[in-house]
Amino acid sequence: MNNNSKQIYNYTVLLEKEEDGGYHAFCPILKGCHSQGDTFEETIDNITEAIELYLESLKADSQPIPKEDPVFKSFH
């Protein structure tokens, strides 16, 4: 097995369009994990990098990696 292979995690990310342009993104299960970007694509790239760094930090500190068990409910 290759030790350089990355573990894949799936997390919910919420994106909000900002009033003054651009987007704000955050991952609710990773407290404080936020990012932004001028375009949708840039925001996705930035939050992906933020999540990777967040997980690296948890691993470096021997902290558990959160597992998500999402429940979605739409309100009308």
C-alpha atoms as a PDB file:
ATOM      1  CA  MET A   1       0.000   0.000   0.000  1.00  0.00           C
ATOM      2  CA  ASN A   2       1.256   3.477  -0.861  1.00  0.00           C
ATOM      3  CA  ASN A   3       1.820   5.635   2.239  1.00  0.00           C
ATOM      4  CA  ASN A   4       1.579   8.774   0.094  1.00  0.00           C
ATOM      5  CA  SER A   5      -2.079   8.156  -0.764  1.00  0.00           C
ATOM      6  CA  LYS A   6      -4.523  10.685   0.594  1.00  0.00           C
ATOM      7  CA  GLN A   7      -7.480   9.786   2.760  1.00  0.00           C
ATOM      8  CA  ILE A   8     -10.723  11.061   1.243  1.00  0.00           C
ATOM      9  CA  TYR A   9     -13.235  12.790   3.507  1.00  0.00           C
ATOM     10  CA  ASN A  10     -16.660  14.061   2.501  1.00  0.00           C
ATOM     11  CA  TYR A  11     -17.954  17.159   4.240  1.00  0.00           C
ATOM     12  CA  THR A  12     -20.850  19.521   3.673  1.00  0.00           C
ATOM     13  CA  VAL A  13     -19.766  22.998   2.618  1.00  0.00           C
ATOM     14  CA  LEU A  14     -22.151  25.944   2.533  1.00  0.00           C
ATOM     15  CA  LEU A  15     -21.571  28.853   0.164  1.00  0.00           C
ATOM     16  CA  GLU A  16     -23.202  32.244   0.489  1.00  0.00           C
ATOM     17  CA  LYS A  17     -23.126  34.980  -2.107  1.00  0.00           C
ATOM     18  CA  GLU A  18     -21.828  38.198  -0.549  1.00  0.00           C
ATOM     19  CA  GLU A  19     -23.704  41.482  -1.058  1.00  0.00           C
ATOM     20  CA  ASP A  20     -20.548  43.280  -2.184  1.00  0.00           C
ATOM     21  CA  GLY A  21     -19.538  40.477  -4.563  1.00  0.00           C
ATOM     22  CA  GLY A  22     -17.778  37.181  -4.201  1.00  0.00           C
ATOM     23  CA  TYR A  23     -18.657  34.261  -1.990  1.00  0.00           C
ATOM     24  CA  HIS A  24     -18.185  33.092   1.588  1.00  0.00           C
ATOM     25  CA  ALA A  25     -17.839  29.359   2.293  1.00  0.00           C
ATOM     26  CA  PHE A  26     -17.734  27.357   5.491  1.00  0.00           C
ATOM     27  CA  CYS A  27     -17.731  23.772   6.654  1.00  0.00           C
ATOM     28  CA  PRO A  28     -20.098  23.505   9.658  1.00  0.00           C
ATOM     29  CA  ILE A  29     -18.565  20.351  11.157  1.00  0.00           C
ATOM     30  CA  LEU A  30     -15.077  21.914  11.182  1.00  0.00           C
ATOM     31  CA  LYS A  31     -15.553  24.770  13.634  1.00  0.00           C
ATOM     32  CA  GLY A  32     -13.967  27.963  12.366  1.00  0.00           C
ATOM     33  CA  CYS A  33     -13.193  26.579   8.910  1.00  0.00           C
ATOM     34  CA  HIS A  34     -14.180  29.437   6.600  1.00  0.00           C
ATOM     35  CA  SER A  35     -12.918  30.852   3.336  1.00  0.00           C
ATOM     36  CA  GLN A  36     -13.937  33.216   0.570  1.00  0.00           C
ATOM     37  CA  GLY A  37     -13.325  33.995  -3.069  1.00  0.00           C
ATOM     38  CA  ASP A  38     -14.206  36.401  -5.838  1.00  0.00           C
ATOM     39  CA  THR A  39     -15.771  33.642  -7.966  1.00  0.00           C
ATOM     40  CA  PHE A  40     -17.624  30.432  -7.180  1.00  0.00           C
ATOM     41  CA  GLU A  41     -14.720  28.348  -8.519  1.00  0.00           C
ATOM     42  CA  GLU A  42     -12.119  30.295  -6.513  1.00  0.00           C
ATOM     43  CA  THR A  43     -14.216  29.886  -3.380  1.00  0.00           C
ATOM     44  CA  ILE A  44     -14.431  26.108  -3.891  1.00  0.00           C
ATOM     45  CA  ASP A  45     -10.646  25.933  -4.361  1.00  0.00           C
ATOM     46  CA  ASN A  46     -10.069  28.070  -1.260  1.00  0.00           C
ATOM     47  CA  ILE A  47     -12.420  26.147   1.050  1.00  0.00           C
ATOM     48  CA  THR A  48     -10.948  22.855  -0.188  1.00  0.00           C
ATOM     49  CA  GLU A  49      -7.488  24.089   0.779  1.00  0.00           C
ATOM     50  CA  ALA A  50      -8.796  25.380   4.129  1.00  0.00           C
ATOM     51  CA  ILE A  51     -10.319  21.966   4.906  1.00  0.00           C
ATOM     52  CA  GLU A  52      -7.093  20.168   3.962  1.00  0.00           C
ATOM     53  CA  LEU A  53      -5.074  22.445   6.250  1.00  0.00           C
ATOM     54  CA  TYR A  54      -7.607  22.072   9.068  1.00  0.00           C
ATOM     55  CA  LEU A  55      -7.385  18.270   8.858  1.00  0.00           C
ATOM     56  CA  GLU A  56      -3.570  18.359   8.695  1.00  0.00           C
ATOM     57  CA  SER A  57      -3.586  20.455  11.874  1.00  0.00           C
ATOM     58  CA  LEU A  58      -5.875  17.980  13.645  1.00  0.00           C
ATOM     59  CA  LYS A  59      -3.632  15.076  12.621  1.00  0.00           C
ATOM     60  CA  ALA A  60      -0.476  16.929  13.726  1.00  0.00           C
ATOM     61  CA  ASP A  61      -2.070  17.469  17.154  1.00  0.00           C
ATOM     62  CA  SER A  62      -3.284  13.828  17.339  1.00  0.00           C
ATOM     63  CA  GLN A  63      -6.894  15.014  17.412  1.00  0.00           C
ATOM     64  CA  PRO A  64      -9.759  12.930  16.010  1.00  0.00           C
ATOM     65  CA  ILE A  65     -10.973  13.653  12.471  1.00  0.00           C
ATOM     66  CA  PRO A  66     -14.687  14.552  12.578  1.00  0.00           C
ATOM     67  CA  LYS A  67     -17.073  12.253  10.776  1.00  0.00           C
ATOM     68  CA  GLU A  68     -20.162  13.849   9.344  1.00  0.00           C
ATOM     69  CA  ASP A  69     -23.626  12.353   9.636  1.00  0.00           C
ATOM     70  CA  PRO A  70     -25.692  14.973   7.825  1.00  0.00           C
ATOM     71  CA  VAL A  71     -29.408  15.461   8.237  1.00  0.00           C
ATOM     72  CA  PHE A  72     -31.050  17.846   5.799  1.00  0.00           C
ATOM     73  CA  LYS A  73     -34.444  19.448   6.171  1.00  0.00           C
ATOM     74  CA  SER A  74     -35.915  21.956   3.750  1.00  0.00           C
ATOM     75  CA  PHE A  75     -38.123  24.717   5.097  1.00  0.00           C
ATOM     76  CA  HIS A  76     -40.601  26.445   2.815  1.00  0.00           C
END
